PDB file of N, CA and C in Angstrom:
ATOM      1  N   UNK A   1       2.261   4.531  14.516  1.00  0.00           N
ATOM      2  CA  UNK A   1       2.796   4.238  15.833  1.00  0.00           C
ATOM      3  C   UNK A   1       3.827   5.289  16.213  1.00  0.00           C
ATOM      4  N   UNK A   2       4.624   5.699  15.279  1.00  0.00           N
ATOM      5  CA  UNK A   2       5.708   6.627  15.588  1.00  0.00           C
ATOM      6  C   UNK A   2       5.165   7.996  15.989  1.00  0.00           C
ATOM      7  N   UNK A   3       4.160   8.482  15.306  1.00  0.00           N
ATOM      8  CA  UNK A   3       3.636   9.817  15.590  1.00  0.00           C
ATOM      9  C   UNK A   3       2.732   9.804  16.823  1.00  0.00           C
ATOM     10  N   UNK A   4       1.783   8.868  16.881  1.00  0.00           N
ATOM     11  CA  UNK A   4       0.791   8.867  17.962  1.00  0.00           C
ATOM     12  C   UNK A   4       1.174   7.979  19.137  1.00  0.00           C
ATOM     13  N   UNK A   5       2.144   7.116  18.943  1.00  0.00           N
ATOM     14  CA  UNK A   5       2.556   6.113  19.931  1.00  0.00           C
ATOM     15  C   UNK A   5       1.395   5.190  20.299  1.00  0.00           C
ATOM     16  N   UNK A   6       0.469   4.994  19.378  1.00  0.00           N
ATOM     17  CA  UNK A   6      -0.652   4.080  19.558  1.00  0.00           C
ATOM     18  C   UNK A   6      -0.691   3.103  18.394  1.00  0.00           C
ATOM     19  N   UNK A   7      -1.097   1.874  18.695  1.00  0.00           N
ATOM     20  CA  UNK A   7      -1.248   0.874  17.642  1.00  0.00           C
ATOM     21  C   UNK A   7      -2.649   0.990  17.070  1.00  0.00           C
ATOM     22  N   UNK A   8      -2.741   1.010  15.759  1.00  0.00           N
ATOM     23  CA  UNK A   8      -4.042   1.187  15.104  1.00  0.00           C
ATOM     24  C   UNK A   8      -4.259   0.169  13.989  1.00  0.00           C
ATOM     25  N   UNK A   9      -3.844  -1.054  14.214  1.00  0.00           N
ATOM     26  CA  UNK A   9      -4.000  -2.078  13.185  1.00  0.00           C
ATOM     27  C   UNK A   9      -5.458  -2.310  12.828  1.00  0.00           C
ATOM     28  N   UNK A  10      -6.340  -2.235  13.828  1.00  0.00           N
ATOM     29  CA  UNK A  10      -7.762  -2.452  13.577  1.00  0.00           C
ATOM     30  C   UNK A  10      -8.344  -1.420  12.629  1.00  0.00           C
ATOM     31  N   UNK A  11      -7.957  -0.170  12.811  1.00  0.00           N
ATOM     32  CA  UNK A  11      -8.448   0.888  11.924  1.00  0.00           C
ATOM     33  C   UNK A  11      -7.937   0.677  10.506  1.00  0.00           C
ATOM     34  N   UNK A  12      -6.669   0.320  10.367  1.00  0.00           N
ATOM     35  CA  UNK A  12      -6.110   0.086   9.037  1.00  0.00           C
ATOM     36  C   UNK A  12      -6.773  -1.114   8.373  1.00  0.00           C
ATOM     37  N   UNK A  13      -7.026  -2.153   9.162  1.00  0.00           N
ATOM     38  CA  UNK A  13      -7.695  -3.335   8.632  1.00  0.00           C
ATOM     39  C   UNK A  13      -9.113  -2.992   8.188  1.00  0.00           C
ATOM     40  N   UNK A  14      -9.804  -2.180   8.972  1.00  0.00           N
ATOM     41  CA  UNK A  14     -11.158  -1.773   8.607  1.00  0.00           C
ATOM     42  C   UNK A  14     -11.198  -0.981   7.317  1.00  0.00           C
ATOM     43  N   UNK A  15     -10.241  -0.098   7.137  1.00  0.00           N
ATOM     44  CA  UNK A  15     -10.173   0.688   5.898  1.00  0.00           C
ATOM     45  C   UNK A  15      -9.885  -0.222   4.709  1.00  0.00           C
ATOM     46  N   UNK A  16      -8.997  -1.197   4.897  1.00  0.00           N
ATOM     47  CA  UNK A  16      -8.684  -2.133   3.812  1.00  0.00           C
ATOM     48  C   UNK A  16      -9.910  -2.968   3.441  1.00  0.00           C
ATOM     49  N   UNK A  17     -10.652  -3.430   4.441  1.00  0.00           N
ATOM     50  CA  UNK A  17     -11.867  -4.208   4.169  1.00  0.00           C
ATOM     51  C   UNK A  17     -12.891  -3.348   3.437  1.00  0.00           C
ATOM     52  N   UNK A  18     -13.073  -2.110   3.874  1.00  0.00           N
ATOM     53  CA  UNK A  18     -14.007  -1.203   3.209  1.00  0.00           C
ATOM     54  C   UNK A  18     -13.610  -0.981   1.749  1.00  0.00           C
ATOM     55  N   UNK A  19     -12.330  -0.767   1.508  1.00  0.00           N
ATOM     56  CA  UNK A  19     -11.854  -0.575   0.130  1.00  0.00           C
ATOM     57  C   UNK A  19     -12.106  -1.826  -0.705  1.00  0.00           C
ATOM     58  N   UNK A  20     -11.901  -3.001  -0.108  1.00  0.00           N
ATOM     59  CA  UNK A  20     -12.141  -4.253  -0.835  1.00  0.00           C
ATOM     60  C   UNK A  20     -13.621  -4.479  -1.116  1.00  0.00           C
ATOM     61  N   UNK A  21     -14.489  -3.952  -0.273  1.00  0.00           N
ATOM     62  CA  UNK A  21     -15.927  -4.091  -0.513  1.00  0.00           C
ATOM     63  C   UNK A  21     -16.431  -3.092  -1.549  1.00  0.00           C
ATOM     64  N   UNK A  22     -15.852  -1.911  -1.586  1.00  0.00           N
ATOM     65  CA  UNK A  22     -16.313  -0.862  -2.498  1.00  0.00           C
ATOM     66  C   UNK A  22     -15.722  -1.017  -3.900  1.00  0.00           C
ATOM     67  N   UNK A  23     -14.520  -1.541  -4.009  1.00  0.00           N
ATOM     68  CA  UNK A  23     -13.841  -1.583  -5.310  1.00  0.00           C
ATOM     69  C   UNK A  23     -14.597  -2.366  -6.383  1.00  0.00           C
ATOM     70  N   UNK A  24     -15.274  -3.485  -6.087  1.00  0.00           N
ATOM     71  CA  UNK A  24     -16.046  -4.129  -7.161  1.00  0.00           C
ATOM     72  C   UNK A  24     -17.159  -3.242  -7.716  1.00  0.00           C
ATOM     73  N   UNK A  25     -17.750  -2.414  -6.874  1.00  0.00           N
ATOM     74  CA  UNK A  25     -18.791  -1.502  -7.365  1.00  0.00           C
ATOM     75  C   UNK A  25     -18.205  -0.507  -8.361  1.00  0.00           C
ATOM     76  N   UNK A  26     -17.010   0.001  -8.066  1.00  0.00           N
ATOM     77  CA  UNK A  26     -16.355   0.914  -9.005  1.00  0.00           C
ATOM     78  C   UNK A  26     -15.995   0.198 -10.303  1.00  0.00           C
ATOM     79  N   UNK A  27     -15.554  -1.053 -10.198  1.00  0.00           N
ATOM     80  CA  UNK A  27     -15.213  -1.822 -11.396  1.00  0.00           C
ATOM     81  C   UNK A  27     -16.447  -2.010 -12.276  1.00  0.00           C
ATOM     82  N   UNK A  28     -17.565  -2.358 -11.664  1.00  0.00           N
ATOM     83  CA  UNK A  28     -18.803  -2.535 -12.428  1.00  0.00           C
ATOM     84  C   UNK A  28     -19.215  -1.219 -13.082  1.00  0.00           C
ATOM     85  N   UNK A  29     -19.105  -0.136 -12.358  1.00  0.00           N
ATOM     86  CA  UNK A  29     -19.459   1.182 -12.894  1.00  0.00           C
ATOM     87  C   UNK A  29     -18.576   1.546 -14.088  1.00  0.00           C
ATOM     88  N   UNK A  30     -17.269   1.340 -13.957  1.00  0.00           N
ATOM     89  CA  UNK A  30     -16.335   1.676 -15.034  1.00  0.00           C
ATOM     90  C   UNK A  30     -16.581   0.805 -16.262  1.00  0.00           C
ATOM     91  N   UNK A  31     -16.762  -0.500 -16.051  1.00  0.00           N
ATOM     92  CA  UNK A  31     -16.988  -1.411 -17.182  1.00  0.00           C
ATOM     93  C   UNK A  31     -18.315  -1.086 -17.869  1.00  0.00           C
ATOM     94  N   UNK A  32     -19.356  -0.850 -17.083  1.00  0.00           N
ATOM     95  CA  UNK A  32     -20.662  -0.519 -17.673  1.00  0.00           C
ATOM     96  C   UNK A  32     -20.595   0.773 -18.478  1.00  0.00           C
ATOM     97  N   UNK A  33     -19.967   1.791 -17.918  1.00  0.00           N
ATOM     98  CA  UNK A  33     -19.840   3.065 -18.634  1.00  0.00           C
ATOM     99  C   UNK A  33     -19.035   2.886 -19.914  1.00  0.00           C
ATOM    100  N   UNK A  34     -17.969   2.108 -19.837  1.00  0.00           N
ATOM    101  CA  UNK A  34     -17.140   1.861 -21.014  1.00  0.00           C
ATOM    102  C   UNK A  34     -17.946   1.164 -22.105  1.00  0.00           C
ATOM    103  N   UNK A  35     -18.721   0.156 -21.718  1.00  0.00           N
ATOM    104  CA  UNK A  35     -19.532  -0.564 -22.705  1.00  0.00           C
ATOM    105  C   UNK A  35     -20.612   0.332 -23.307  1.00  0.00           C
ATOM    106  N   UNK A  36     -21.242   1.144 -22.485  1.00  0.00           N
ATOM    107  CA  UNK A  36     -22.289   2.032 -22.998  1.00  0.00           C
ATOM    108  C   UNK A  36     -21.723   3.082 -23.948  1.00  0.00           C
ATOM    109  N   UNK A  37     -20.574   3.644 -23.595  1.00  0.00           N
ATOM    110  CA  UNK A  37     -19.994   4.714 -24.410  1.00  0.00           C
ATOM    111  C   UNK A  37     -19.386   4.218 -25.714  1.00  0.00           C
ATOM    112  N   UNK A  38     -18.977   2.946 -25.751  1.00  0.00           N
ATOM    113  CA  UNK A  38     -18.292   2.448 -26.947  1.00  0.00           C
ATOM    114  C   UNK A  38     -19.155   1.526 -27.805  1.00  0.00           C
ATOM    115  N   UNK A  39     -20.403   1.315 -27.425  1.00  0.00           N
ATOM    116  CA  UNK A  39     -21.303   0.535 -28.271  1.00  0.00           C
ATOM    117  C   UNK A  39     -21.110  -0.961 -28.199  1.00  0.00           C
ATOM    118  N   UNK A  40     -20.688  -1.468 -27.067  1.00  0.00           N
ATOM    119  CA  UNK A  40     -20.536  -2.920 -26.896  1.00  0.00           C
ATOM    120  C   UNK A  40     -21.897  -3.596 -27.046  1.00  0.00           C
ATOM    121  N   UNK A  41     -21.926  -4.710 -27.781  1.00  0.00           N
ATOM    122  CA  UNK A  41     -23.175  -5.435 -28.005  1.00  0.00           C
ATOM    123  C   UNK A  41     -23.110  -6.781 -27.296  1.00  0.00           C
ATOM    124  N   UNK A  42     -24.165  -7.090 -26.541  1.00  0.00           N
ATOM    125  CA  UNK A  42     -24.230  -8.410 -25.905  1.00  0.00           C
ATOM    126  C   UNK A  42     -24.773  -9.406 -26.917  1.00  0.00           C
ATOM    127  N   UNK A  43     -24.434 -10.660 -26.721  1.00  0.00           N
ATOM    128  CA  UNK A  43     -24.884 -11.680 -27.670  1.00  0.00           C
ATOM    129  C   UNK A  43     -26.075 -12.447 -27.096  1.00  0.00           C
ATOM    130  N   UNK A  44     -26.868 -12.979 -27.994  1.00  0.00           N
ATOM    131  CA  UNK A  44     -27.965 -13.855 -27.603  1.00  0.00           C
ATOM    132  C   UNK A  44     -27.507 -15.290 -27.782  1.00  0.00           C
ATOM    133  N   UNK A  45     -28.219 -16.202 -27.167  1.00  0.00           N
ATOM    134  CA  UNK A  45     -27.865 -17.620 -27.238  1.00  0.00           C
ATOM    135  C   UNK A  45     -27.818 -18.088 -28.691  1.00  0.00           C
ATOM    136  N   UNK A  46     -26.678 -18.623 -29.092  1.00  0.00           N
ATOM    137  CA  UNK A  46     -26.518 -19.170 -30.427  1.00  0.00           C
ATOM    138  C   UNK A  46     -26.242 -18.145 -31.510  1.00  0.00           C
ATOM    139  N   UNK A  47     -26.162 -16.874 -31.154  1.00  0.00           N
ATOM    140  CA  UNK A  47     -25.916 -15.823 -32.141  1.00  0.00           C
ATOM    141  C   UNK A  47     -24.541 -15.229 -31.878  1.00  0.00           C
ATOM    142  N   UNK A  48     -23.726 -15.188 -32.907  1.00  0.00           N
ATOM    143  CA  UNK A  48     -22.384 -14.630 -32.783  1.00  0.00           C
ATOM    144  C   UNK A  48     -22.414 -13.146 -33.155  1.00  0.00           C
ATOM    145  N   UNK A  49     -21.770 -12.331 -32.342  1.00  0.00           N
ATOM    146  CA  UNK A  49     -21.727 -10.881 -32.581  1.00  0.00           C
ATOM    147  C   UNK A  49     -20.283 -10.486 -32.859  1.00  0.00           C
ATOM    148  N   UNK A  50     -20.082  -9.676 -33.869  1.00  0.00           N
ATOM    149  CA  UNK A  50     -18.758  -9.117 -34.128  1.00  0.00           C
ATOM    150  C   UNK A  50     -18.767  -7.697 -33.569  1.00  0.00           C
ATOM    151  N   UNK A  51     -17.875  -7.455 -32.620  1.00  0.00           N
ATOM    152  CA  UNK A  51     -17.822  -6.148 -31.968  1.00  0.00           C
ATOM    153  C   UNK A  51     -17.184  -5.114 -32.895  1.00  0.00           C
ATOM    154  N   UNK A  52     -17.630  -3.886 -32.757  1.00  0.00           N
ATOM    155  CA  UNK A  52     -17.068  -2.784 -33.533  1.00  0.00           C
ATOM    156  C   UNK A  52     -15.673  -2.454 -32.997  1.00  0.00           C
ATOM    157  N   UNK A  53     -14.859  -1.768 -33.793  1.00  0.00           N
ATOM    158  CA  UNK A  53     -13.543  -1.348 -33.292  1.00  0.00           C
ATOM    159  C   UNK A  53     -13.648  -0.478 -32.041  1.00  0.00           C
ATOM    160  N   UNK A  54     -14.702   0.341 -31.960  1.00  0.00           N
ATOM    161  CA  UNK A  54     -14.892   1.176 -30.770  1.00  0.00           C
ATOM    162  C   UNK A  54     -15.149   0.320 -29.533  1.00  0.00           C
ATOM    163  N   UNK A  55     -15.961  -0.721 -29.687  1.00  0.00           N
ATOM    164  CA  UNK A  55     -16.250  -1.613 -28.564  1.00  0.00           C
ATOM    165  C   UNK A  55     -14.985  -2.352 -28.132  1.00  0.00           C
ATOM    166  N   UNK A  56     -14.184  -2.774 -29.094  1.00  0.00           N
ATOM    167  CA  UNK A  56     -12.921  -3.445 -28.756  1.00  0.00           C
ATOM    168  C   UNK A  56     -11.986  -2.483 -28.026  1.00  0.00           C
ATOM    169  N   UNK A  57     -11.971  -1.225 -28.464  1.00  0.00           N
ATOM    170  CA  UNK A  57     -11.160  -0.224 -27.769  1.00  0.00           C
ATOM    171  C   UNK A  57     -11.662  -0.025 -26.342  1.00  0.00           C
ATOM    172  N   UNK A  58     -12.976  -0.003 -26.154  1.00  0.00           N
ATOM    173  CA  UNK A  58     -13.550   0.141 -24.816  1.00  0.00           C
ATOM    174  C   UNK A  58     -13.134  -0.991 -23.896  1.00  0.00           C
ATOM    175  N   UNK A  59     -13.084  -2.197 -24.428  1.00  0.00           N
ATOM    176  CA  UNK A  59     -12.640  -3.345 -23.629  1.00  0.00           C
ATOM    177  C   UNK A  59     -11.180  -3.160 -23.229  1.00  0.00           C
ATOM    178  N   UNK A  60     -10.356  -2.768 -24.176  1.00  0.00           N
ATOM    179  CA  UNK A  60      -8.943  -2.518 -23.851  1.00  0.00           C
ATOM    180  C   UNK A  60      -8.814  -1.386 -22.835  1.00  0.00           C
ATOM    181  N   UNK A  61      -9.675  -0.389 -22.971  1.00  0.00           N
ATOM    182  CA  UNK A  61      -9.652   0.764 -22.077  1.00  0.00           C
ATOM    183  C   UNK A  61      -9.881   0.347 -20.631  1.00  0.00           C
ATOM    184  N   UNK A  62     -10.920  -0.427 -20.380  1.00  0.00           N
ATOM    185  CA  UNK A  62     -11.211  -0.764 -18.988  1.00  0.00           C
ATOM    186  C   UNK A  62     -10.381  -1.917 -18.464  1.00  0.00           C
ATOM    187  N   UNK A  63      -9.688  -2.639 -19.324  1.00  0.00           N
ATOM    188  CA  UNK A  63      -8.794  -3.686 -18.836  1.00  0.00           C
ATOM    189  C   UNK A  63      -7.367  -3.200 -18.632  1.00  0.00           C
ATOM    190  N   UNK A  64      -6.967  -2.136 -19.324  1.00  0.00           N
ATOM    191  CA  UNK A  64      -5.564  -1.715 -19.256  1.00  0.00           C
ATOM    192  C   UNK A  64      -5.394  -0.241 -18.916  1.00  0.00           C
ATOM    193  N   UNK A  65      -5.954   0.628 -19.699  1.00  0.00           N
ATOM    194  CA  UNK A  65      -5.665   2.054 -19.551  1.00  0.00           C
ATOM    195  C   UNK A  65      -6.227   2.647 -18.256  1.00  0.00           C
ATOM    196  N   UNK A  66      -7.467   2.354 -17.937  1.00  0.00           N
ATOM    197  CA  UNK A  66      -8.065   2.910 -16.715  1.00  0.00           C
ATOM    198  C   UNK A  66      -7.347   2.397 -15.467  1.00  0.00           C
ATOM    199  N   UNK A  67      -7.069   1.081 -15.332  1.00  0.00           N
ATOM    200  CA  UNK A  67      -6.291   0.641 -14.164  1.00  0.00           C
ATOM    201  C   UNK A  67      -4.899   1.271 -14.106  1.00  0.00           C
ATOM    202  N   UNK A  68      -4.268   1.464 -15.259  1.00  0.00           N
ATOM    203  CA  UNK A  68      -2.958   2.104 -15.291  1.00  0.00           C
ATOM    204  C   UNK A  68      -3.043   3.528 -14.746  1.00  0.00           C
ATOM    205  N   UNK A  69      -4.045   4.269 -15.171  1.00  0.00           N
ATOM    206  CA  UNK A  69      -4.211   5.649 -14.700  1.00  0.00           C
ATOM    207  C   UNK A  69      -4.464   5.679 -13.196  1.00  0.00           C
ATOM    208  N   UNK A  70      -5.316   4.787 -12.705  1.00  0.00           N
ATOM    209  CA  UNK A  70      -5.600   4.733 -11.267  1.00  0.00           C
ATOM    210  C   UNK A  70      -4.335   4.402 -10.483  1.00  0.00           C
ATOM    211  N   UNK A  71      -3.541   3.449 -10.963  1.00  0.00           N
ATOM    212  CA  UNK A  71      -2.289   3.094 -10.279  1.00  0.00           C
ATOM    213  C   UNK A  71      -1.300   4.256 -10.289  1.00  0.00           C
ATOM    214  N   UNK A  72      -1.178   4.955 -11.406  1.00  0.00           N
ATOM    215  CA  UNK A  72      -0.264   6.095 -11.470  1.00  0.00           C
ATOM    216  C   UNK A  72      -0.686   7.202 -10.511  1.00  0.00           C
ATOM    217  N   UNK A  73      -1.987   7.457 -10.429  1.00  0.00           N
ATOM    218  CA  UNK A  73      -2.474   8.463  -9.474  1.00  0.00           C
ATOM    219  C   UNK A  73      -2.140   8.039  -8.052  1.00  0.00           C
ATOM    220  N   UNK A  74      -2.355   6.762  -7.732  1.00  0.00           N
ATOM    221  CA  UNK A  74      -2.053   6.264  -6.388  1.00  0.00           C
ATOM    222  C   UNK A  74      -0.562   6.378  -6.076  1.00  0.00           C
ATOM    223  N   UNK A  75       0.285   6.054  -7.042  1.00  0.00           N
ATOM    224  CA  UNK A  75       1.737   6.155  -6.834  1.00  0.00           C
ATOM    225  C   UNK A  75       2.140   7.605  -6.593  1.00  0.00           C
ATOM    226  N   UNK A  76       1.612   8.517  -7.407  1.00  0.00           N
ATOM    227  CA  UNK A  76       1.951   9.932  -7.238  1.00  0.00           C
ATOM    228  C   UNK A  76       1.478  10.468  -5.888  1.00  0.00           C
ATOM    229  N   UNK A  77       0.269  10.088  -5.476  1.00  0.00           N
ATOM    230  CA  UNK A  77      -0.227  10.516  -4.162  1.00  0.00           C
ATOM    231  C   UNK A  77       0.645   9.957  -3.043  1.00  0.00           C
ATOM    232  N   UNK A  78       1.012   8.690  -3.157  1.00  0.00           N
ATOM    233  CA  UNK A  78       1.850   8.068  -2.134  1.00  0.00           C
ATOM    234  C   UNK A  78       3.201   8.770  -2.048  1.00  0.00           C
ATOM    235  N   UNK A  79       3.798   9.062  -3.202  1.00  0.00           N
ATOM    236  CA  UNK A  79       5.105   9.720  -3.204  1.00  0.00           C
ATOM    237  C   UNK A  79       5.022  11.130  -2.626  1.00  0.00           C
ATOM    238  N   UNK A  80       3.902  11.821  -2.860  1.00  0.00           N
ATOM    239  CA  UNK A  80       3.748  13.176  -2.343  1.00  0.00           C
ATOM    240  C   UNK A  80       3.471  13.175  -0.842  1.00  0.00           C
ATOM    241  N   UNK A  81       2.660  12.241  -0.384  1.00  0.00           N
ATOM    242  CA  UNK A  81       2.248  12.225   1.018  1.00  0.00           C
ATOM    243  C   UNK A  81       3.289  11.597   1.941  1.00  0.00           C
ATOM    244  N   UNK A  82       4.043  10.626   1.445  1.00  0.00           N
ATOM    245  CA  UNK A  82       4.976   9.896   2.293  1.00  0.00           C
ATOM    246  C   UNK A  82       6.395  10.053   1.766  1.00  0.00           C
ATOM    247  N   UNK A  83       7.052  11.073   2.237  1.00  0.00           N
ATOM    248  CA  UNK A  83       8.443  11.306   1.854  1.00  0.00           C
ATOM    249  C   UNK A  83       9.310  10.361   2.691  1.00  0.00           C
ATOM    250  N   UNK A  84       9.760   9.294   2.095  1.00  0.00           N
ATOM    251  CA  UNK A  84      10.532   8.294   2.819  1.00  0.00           C
ATOM    252  C   UNK A  84      11.927   8.202   2.210  1.00  0.00           C
ATOM    253  N   UNK A  85      12.886   8.734   2.938  1.00  0.00           N
ATOM    254  CA  UNK A  85      14.282   8.671   2.530  1.00  0.00           C
ATOM    255  C   UNK A  85      14.986   7.670   3.440  1.00  0.00           C
ATOM    256  N   UNK A  86      16.186   7.243   3.095  1.00  0.00           N
ATOM    257  CA  UNK A  86      16.914   6.337   3.992  1.00  0.00           C
ATOM    258  C   UNK A  86      17.103   6.921   5.393  1.00  0.00           C
ATOM    259  N   UNK A  87      17.313   8.222   5.486  1.00  0.00           N
ATOM    260  CA  UNK A  87      17.486   8.867   6.796  1.00  0.00           C
ATOM    261  C   UNK A  87      16.197   8.789   7.612  1.00  0.00           C
ATOM    262  N   UNK A  88      15.073   9.103   6.992  1.00  0.00           N
ATOM    263  CA  UNK A  88      13.789   9.042   7.690  1.00  0.00           C
ATOM    264  C   UNK A  88      13.473   7.605   8.090  1.00  0.00           C
ATOM    265  N   UNK A  89      13.749   6.652   7.208  1.00  0.00           N
ATOM    266  CA  UNK A  89      13.501   5.243   7.528  1.00  0.00           C
ATOM    267  C   UNK A  89      14.332   4.807   8.728  1.00  0.00           C
ATOM    268  N   UNK A  90      15.575   5.211   8.789  1.00  0.00           N
ATOM    269  CA  UNK A  90      16.439   4.860   9.922  1.00  0.00           C
ATOM    270  C   UNK A  90      15.946   5.519  11.209  1.00  0.00           C
ATOM    271  N   UNK A  91      15.537   6.782  11.132  1.00  0.00           N
ATOM    272  CA  UNK A  91      14.980   7.466  12.304  1.00  0.00           C
ATOM    273  C   UNK A  91      13.721   6.757  12.801  1.00  0.00           C
ATOM    274  N   UNK A  92      12.861   6.357  11.869  1.00  0.00           N
ATOM    275  CA  UNK A  92      11.644   5.638  12.249  1.00  0.00           C
ATOM    276  C   UNK A  92      11.968   4.303  12.904  1.00  0.00           C
ATOM    277  N   UNK A  93      12.963   3.607  12.360  1.00  0.00           N
ATOM    278  CA  UNK A  93      13.365   2.326  12.944  1.00  0.00           C
ATOM    279  C   UNK A  93      13.841   2.521  14.377  1.00  0.00           C
ATOM    280  N   UNK A  94      14.629   3.560  14.618  1.00  0.00           N
ATOM    281  CA  UNK A  94      15.125   3.837  15.971  1.00  0.00           C
ATOM    282  C   UNK A  94      13.975   4.179  16.918  1.00  0.00           C
ATOM    283  N   UNK A  95      13.013   4.968  16.449  1.00  0.00           N
ATOM    284  CA  UNK A  95      11.860   5.317  17.281  1.00  0.00           C
ATOM    285  C   UNK A  95      11.045   4.076  17.636  1.00  0.00           C
ATOM    286  N   UNK A  96      10.889   3.167  16.673  1.00  0.00           N
ATOM    287  CA  UNK A  96      10.161   1.929  16.946  1.00  0.00           C
ATOM    288  C   UNK A  96      10.878   1.079  17.985  1.00  0.00           C
ATOM    289  N   UNK A  97      12.201   1.020  17.904  1.00  0.00           N
ATOM    290  CA  UNK A  97      12.975   0.279  18.905  1.00  0.00           C
ATOM    291  C   UNK A  97      12.799   0.928  20.274  1.00  0.00           C
ATOM    292  N   UNK A  98      12.841   2.258  20.329  1.00  0.00           N
ATOM    293  CA  UNK A  98      12.648   2.974  21.595  1.00  0.00           C
ATOM    294  C   UNK A  98      11.263   2.718  22.189  1.00  0.00           C
ATOM    295  N   UNK A  99      10.254   2.550  21.320  1.00  0.00           N
ATOM    296  CA  UNK A  99       8.895   2.289  21.792  1.00  0.00           C
ATOM    297  C   UNK A  99       8.667   0.817  22.137  1.00  0.00           C
ATOM    298  N   UNK A 100       9.643  -0.025  21.854  1.00  0.00           N
ATOM    299  CA  UNK A 100       9.528  -1.442  22.179  1.00  0.00           C
ATOM    300  C   UNK A 100       8.909  -2.297  21.092  1.00  0.00           C
ATOM    301  N   UNK A 101       8.939  -1.832  19.870  1.00  0.00           N
ATOM    302  CA  UNK A 101       8.389  -2.609  18.761  1.00  0.00           C
ATOM    303  C   UNK A 101       9.480  -3.279  17.982  1.00  0.00           C
TER     304      UNK A 101
END
């Protein structure tokens, strides 16, 4: 709003919906690749399987390490793209008041 003086909530909402629709596909891809690379074994009805240490590591990988890496990348990108200091925040607040928001 501050740069273009236009409201674009619909565009932002559309991007958020698209991200929410695509993210499960990425999760399935990451989990499948992790299981294939680490030798995860599926069980049959009534048969107990003991997973290898590599398979257990793969499970930990896609539940903890991969999401951590993705979050860190997102944080670093956000910090690089959006330099927000108290001075800039105050200037933005004043511009929003001037625009009637």
